[in-house]
C-alpha atoms as a PDB file:
ATOM      1  CA  UNK A   1      -0.143  -0.045   0.162  1.00  0.00           C
ATOM      2  CA  UNK A   2       1.386   3.290  -0.848  1.00  0.00           C
ATOM      3  CA  UNK A   3       1.561   6.369   1.116  1.00  0.00           C
ATOM      4  CA  UNK A   4      -2.084   7.604   0.298  1.00  0.00           C
ATOM      5  CA  UNK A   5      -3.171   4.159   1.288  1.00  0.00           C
ATOM      6  CA  UNK A   6      -1.658   4.074   4.507  1.00  0.00           C
ATOM      7  CA  UNK A   7      -2.781   7.870   5.381  1.00  0.00           C
ATOM      8  CA  UNK A   8      -6.583   7.132   4.149  1.00  0.00           C
ATOM      9  CA  UNK A   9      -6.394   3.890   6.589  1.00  0.00           C
ATOM     10  CA  UNK A  10      -4.108   6.162   9.586  1.00  0.00           C
ATOM     11  CA  UNK A  11      -7.705   8.613   9.259  1.00  0.00           C
ATOM     12  CA  UNK A  12     -10.110   5.447   9.345  1.00  0.00           C
ATOM     13  CA  UNK A  13      -8.898   4.241  12.297  1.00  0.00           C
ATOM     14  CA  UNK A  14      -9.000   7.734  14.291  1.00  0.00           C
ATOM     15  CA  UNK A  15     -12.555   8.603  12.882  1.00  0.00           C
ATOM     16  CA  UNK A  16     -13.311   4.958  14.010  1.00  0.00           C
ATOM     17  CA  UNK A  17     -15.132   2.295  12.475  1.00  0.00           C
ATOM     18  CA  UNK A  18     -16.732   3.638   9.734  1.00  0.00           C
ATOM     19  CA  UNK A  19     -20.090   2.237  10.409  1.00  0.00           C
ATOM     20  CA  UNK A  20     -22.750   5.095  10.881  1.00  0.00           C
ATOM     21  CA  UNK A  21     -24.978   2.787  12.797  1.00  0.00           C
ATOM     22  CA  UNK A  22     -22.406   1.906  15.062  1.00  0.00           C
ATOM     23  CA  UNK A  23     -21.882   5.532  15.692  1.00  0.00           C
ATOM     24  CA  UNK A  24     -25.518   6.533  15.923  1.00  0.00           C
ATOM     25  CA  UNK A  25     -25.929   3.820  18.637  1.00  0.00           C
ATOM     26  CA  UNK A  26     -22.599   4.975  20.724  1.00  0.00           C
ATOM     27  CA  UNK A  27     -24.144   8.471  20.634  1.00  0.00           C
ATOM     28  CA  UNK A  28     -26.892   7.372  22.434  1.00  0.00           C
ATOM     29  CA  UNK A  29     -29.572   6.519  19.897  1.00  0.00           C
ATOM     30  CA  UNK A  30     -31.847   3.786  20.314  1.00  0.00           C
ATOM     31  CA  UNK A  31     -34.067   1.451  18.383  1.00  0.00           C
ATOM     32  CA  UNK A  32     -37.675   2.828  20.305  1.00  0.00           C
ATOM     33  CA  UNK A  33     -36.496   6.369  19.497  1.00  0.00           C
ATOM     34  CA  UNK A  34     -36.203   5.378  15.429  1.00  0.00           C
ATOM     35  CA  UNK A  35     -39.395   3.677  15.606  1.00  0.00           C
ATOM     36  CA  UNK A  36     -41.444   6.250  17.246  1.00  0.00           C
ATOM     37  CA  UNK A  37     -40.085   8.637  14.805  1.00  0.00           C
ATOM     38  CA  UNK A  38     -41.386   6.458  12.123  1.00  0.00           C
ATOM     39  CA  UNK A  39     -44.606   6.502  13.484  1.00  0.00           C
ATOM     40  CA  UNK A  40     -44.390  10.370  13.737  1.00  0.00           C
ATOM     41  CA  UNK A  41     -43.401  10.638  10.502  1.00  0.00           C
ATOM     42  CA  UNK A  42     -46.609   8.978   9.426  1.00  0.00           C
ATOM     43  CA  UNK A  43     -48.597  11.331  11.514  1.00  0.00           C
ATOM     44  CA  UNK A  44     -46.843  14.089  10.441  1.00  0.00           C
ATOM     45  CA  UNK A  45     -47.161  13.254   6.591  1.00  0.00           C
ATOM     46  CA  UNK A  46     -50.885  12.894   7.071  1.00  0.00           C
ATOM     47  CA  UNK A  47     -51.055  16.082   8.811  1.00  0.00           C
ATOM     48  CA  UNK A  48     -48.993  18.166   6.354  1.00  0.00           C
ATOM     49  CA  UNK A  49     -51.013  16.712   3.427  1.00  0.00           C
ATOM     50  CA  UNK A  50     -54.445  17.678   4.953  1.00  0.00           C
ATOM     51  CA  UNK A  51     -52.699  21.575   5.719  1.00  0.00           C
ATOM     52  CA  UNK A  52     -51.307  21.877   2.659  1.00  0.00           C
ATOM     53  CA  UNK A  53     -55.104  20.699   1.141  1.00  0.00           C
ATOM     54  CA  UNK A  54     -56.469  23.294   2.856  1.00  0.00           C
ATOM     55  CA  UNK A  55     -54.085  26.169   2.514  1.00  0.00           C
ATOM     56  CA  UNK A  56     -52.923  25.709  -1.229  1.00  0.00           C
ATOM     57  CA  UNK A  57     -55.958  25.329  -4.226  1.00  0.00           C
ATOM     58  CA  UNK A  58     -53.432  23.009  -5.616  1.00  0.00           C
ATOM     59  CA  UNK A  59     -54.437  18.994  -4.856  1.00  0.00           C
ATOM     60  CA  UNK A  60     -51.166  17.943  -6.592  1.00  0.00           C
ATOM     61  CA  UNK A  61     -48.966  19.889  -4.291  1.00  0.00           C
ATOM     62  CA  UNK A  62     -50.598  18.960  -1.216  1.00  0.00           C
ATOM     63  CA  UNK A  63     -50.045  15.258  -2.165  1.00  0.00           C
ATOM     64  CA  UNK A  64     -46.258  15.990  -2.955  1.00  0.00           C
ATOM     65  CA  UNK A  65     -45.945  17.261   0.791  1.00  0.00           C
ATOM     66  CA  UNK A  66     -47.589  14.109   2.095  1.00  0.00           C
ATOM     67  CA  UNK A  67     -45.598  12.047  -0.227  1.00  0.00           C
ATOM     68  CA  UNK A  68     -42.487  13.759   0.635  1.00  0.00           C
ATOM     69  CA  UNK A  69     -42.461  13.381   4.384  1.00  0.00           C
ATOM     70  CA  UNK A  70     -44.166   9.871   4.164  1.00  0.00           C
ATOM     71  CA  UNK A  71     -41.110   8.537   2.674  1.00  0.00           C
ATOM     72  CA  UNK A  72     -39.308   9.321   5.765  1.00  0.00           C
ATOM     73  CA  UNK A  73     -41.103   6.569   7.806  1.00  0.00           C
ATOM     74  CA  UNK A  74     -39.474   3.847   6.125  1.00  0.00           C
ATOM     75  CA  UNK A  75     -36.064   5.421   6.427  1.00  0.00           C
ATOM     76  CA  UNK A  76     -36.819   5.681  10.417  1.00  0.00           C
ATOM     77  CA  UNK A  77     -38.277   2.198  10.560  1.00  0.00           C
ATOM     78  CA  UNK A  78     -35.224   0.767   8.889  1.00  0.00           C
ATOM     79  CA  UNK A  79     -32.461   2.461  10.976  1.00  0.00           C
ATOM     80  CA  UNK A  80     -34.636   1.164  14.044  1.00  0.00           C
ATOM     81  CA  UNK A  81     -34.050  -2.276  13.009  1.00  0.00           C
ATOM     82  CA  UNK A  82     -30.248  -1.746  12.368  1.00  0.00           C
ATOM     83  CA  UNK A  83     -30.252  -0.611  16.002  1.00  0.00           C
ATOM     84  CA  UNK A  84     -31.830  -2.738  17.606  1.00  0.00           C
ATOM     85  CA  UNK A  85     -29.313  -5.539  15.781  1.00  0.00           C
ATOM     86  CA  UNK A  86     -26.498  -2.907  16.801  1.00  0.00           C
ATOM     87  CA  UNK A  87     -28.406  -3.125  20.732  1.00  0.00           C
ATOM     88  CA  UNK A  88     -28.302  -6.837  20.208  1.00  0.00           C
ATOM     89  CA  UNK A  89     -24.594  -7.482  19.486  1.00  0.00           C
ATOM     90  CA  UNK A  90     -23.715  -5.044  22.100  1.00  0.00           C
ATOM     91  CA  UNK A  91     -25.308  -7.040  24.828  1.00  0.00           C
ATOM     92  CA  UNK A  92     -23.449 -10.268  23.797  1.00  0.00           C
END
């Protein structure tokens, strides 16, 4: 490995494992929080859709707001599963 490769490896070792889920877990984020955020984003999606529908005459715009926020839920649920696995690994 050349000098550049060694420097990159040294930086990677100083920064950590490079595992964002482990970094979130180490920072105190727990799977339950991610699940709650997922359910909250579903409610927020419905609320954003309803509010946008009332304040804006363009139904398509209201639908886009609801769909945009609705995409957050699967991300939070997937993050919750990953954090749960990290918690189980840590418990061993």
